[in-house]
Amino acid sequence: MTAAAADLPGTTTVSARAVGRIAAAAAAEVAGVDTPVRVDATISGDRTALELRLPIRYPEPVGRVTDICREHLLRRTEELTGLGVARVDIVVTALTRRGVVTGRVR
């Protein structure tokens, strides 16, 4: 007879580093967010606070992309880690362009 997971003793702990990597992957799922995404996660009990540094693709609207990213991170981080998200701070580090040729044009 197999016991249900809820009946087994023990705890599951997700490290701050793992939460940061999960949040970075979730942020990369958002249209308009470019790579690399950097995330610092701080865990306190069953809650986490996220600080993101991310580039946004030009000419996407920065406010709209960050709002969508924040909502997506709240949902996906809670879904994937089981931790509640207390705060998501976002610092836009750059505006990037895909396929931009650098150097001299002849």
Protein backbone atom coordinates (compact mmCIF):
# COMPACT_ATOMS: atom_id res chain seq x y z
CA MET A 1 0.00 0.00 0.00
CA THR A 2 1.41 3.40 -1.01
CA ALA A 3 0.95 6.44 1.22
CA ALA A 4 -0.12 9.73 -0.31
CA ALA A 5 2.58 12.41 -0.44
CA ALA A 6 0.62 14.57 2.03
CA ASP A 7 0.75 11.72 4.58
CA LEU A 8 4.55 11.38 4.49
CA PRO A 9 6.67 13.23 7.05
CA GLY A 10 9.26 15.77 5.96
CA THR A 11 9.65 19.18 4.41
CA THR A 12 10.61 20.50 1.02
CA THR A 13 12.96 23.46 0.83
CA VAL A 14 13.66 25.43 -2.34
CA SER A 15 16.90 27.41 -2.23
CA ALA A 16 17.05 31.11 -3.08
CA ARG A 17 19.33 30.26 -6.01
CA ALA A 18 16.78 27.80 -7.43
CA VAL A 19 13.97 30.33 -7.00
CA GLY A 20 16.10 32.91 -8.82
CA ARG A 21 16.71 30.57 -11.73
CA ILE A 22 13.04 29.64 -11.95
CA ALA A 23 12.07 33.32 -11.92
CA ALA A 24 14.68 34.16 -14.60
CA ALA A 25 13.31 31.42 -16.85
CA ALA A 26 9.75 32.65 -16.25
CA ALA A 27 10.73 36.25 -17.08
CA ALA A 28 12.29 35.06 -20.35
CA GLU A 29 8.85 33.65 -21.31
CA VAL A 30 7.44 37.18 -21.49
CA ALA A 31 7.29 38.81 -24.93
CA GLY A 32 9.57 41.83 -25.07
CA VAL A 33 12.03 40.59 -22.43
CA ASP A 34 15.52 39.91 -23.77
CA THR A 35 18.37 37.90 -22.27
CA PRO A 36 20.23 37.77 -20.00
CA VAL A 37 17.78 38.11 -17.13
CA ARG A 38 19.37 38.30 -13.68
CA VAL A 39 17.34 37.56 -10.53
CA ASP A 40 18.13 37.77 -6.83
CA ALA A 41 15.63 35.97 -4.62
CA THR A 42 15.26 36.41 -0.88
CA ILE A 43 13.24 33.82 0.99
CA SER A 44 11.55 34.44 4.32
CA GLY A 45 9.43 31.54 5.55
CA ASP A 46 6.96 30.63 2.82
CA ARG A 47 7.39 33.93 0.89
CA THR A 48 9.98 35.22 -1.52
CA ALA A 49 10.97 38.67 -2.76
CA LEU A 50 12.43 38.95 -6.25
CA GLU A 51 14.76 41.60 -7.67
CA LEU A 52 15.12 41.40 -11.44
CA ARG A 53 17.57 43.07 -13.78
CA LEU A 54 16.39 42.63 -17.32
CA PRO A 55 16.85 44.07 -20.79
CA ILE A 56 13.78 44.93 -22.84
CA ARG A 57 13.60 44.74 -26.63
CA TYR A 58 13.24 48.08 -28.33
CA PRO A 59 10.65 49.46 -29.28
CA GLU A 60 8.47 47.56 -26.76
CA PRO A 61 6.75 49.81 -24.18
CA VAL A 62 8.83 49.47 -21.00
CA GLY A 63 5.92 49.99 -18.57
CA ARG A 64 3.69 47.45 -20.28
CA VAL A 65 6.43 44.80 -20.51
CA THR A 66 7.41 45.23 -16.85
CA ASP A 67 3.76 45.08 -15.71
CA ILE A 68 3.17 41.87 -17.69
CA CYS A 69 6.47 40.43 -16.46
CA ARG A 70 5.60 41.19 -12.82
CA GLU A 71 2.18 39.50 -13.11
CA HIS A 72 3.68 36.50 -14.93
CA LEU A 73 6.39 36.10 -12.28
CA LEU A 74 3.88 36.20 -9.44
CA ARG A 75 1.86 33.41 -11.03
CA ARG A 76 4.70 31.20 -12.32
CA THR A 77 6.95 31.47 -9.26
CA GLU A 78 4.10 30.52 -6.94
CA GLU A 79 3.08 27.71 -9.28
CA LEU A 80 6.57 26.25 -9.69
CA THR A 81 8.01 26.73 -6.18
CA GLY A 82 4.99 26.76 -3.88
CA LEU A 83 6.26 30.03 -2.36
CA GLY A 84 4.16 33.16 -2.23
CA VAL A 85 5.72 36.20 -3.86
CA ALA A 86 5.78 39.22 -1.57
CA ARG A 87 7.43 41.65 -3.98
CA VAL A 88 8.86 41.87 -7.51
CA ASP A 89 11.28 44.75 -8.07
CA ILE A 90 12.38 45.28 -11.67
CA VAL A 91 15.36 47.29 -12.91
CA VAL A 92 15.48 47.72 -16.69
CA THR A 93 19.17 47.42 -17.55
CA ALA A 94 19.05 48.00 -21.31
CA LEU A 95 16.94 48.44 -24.40
CA THR A 96 18.09 45.94 -27.00
CA ARG A 97 17.44 45.36 -30.66
CA ARG A 98 17.38 42.00 -32.38
CA GLY A 99 19.34 41.72 -35.60
CA VAL A 100 21.01 45.11 -35.33
CA VAL A 101 24.19 45.29 -37.35
CA THR A 102 26.99 46.97 -35.46
CA GLY A 103 29.89 48.70 -37.11
CA ARG A 104 30.12 50.68 -40.30
CA VAL A 105 27.54 50.39 -43.02
CA ARG A 106 28.87 50.69 -46.56
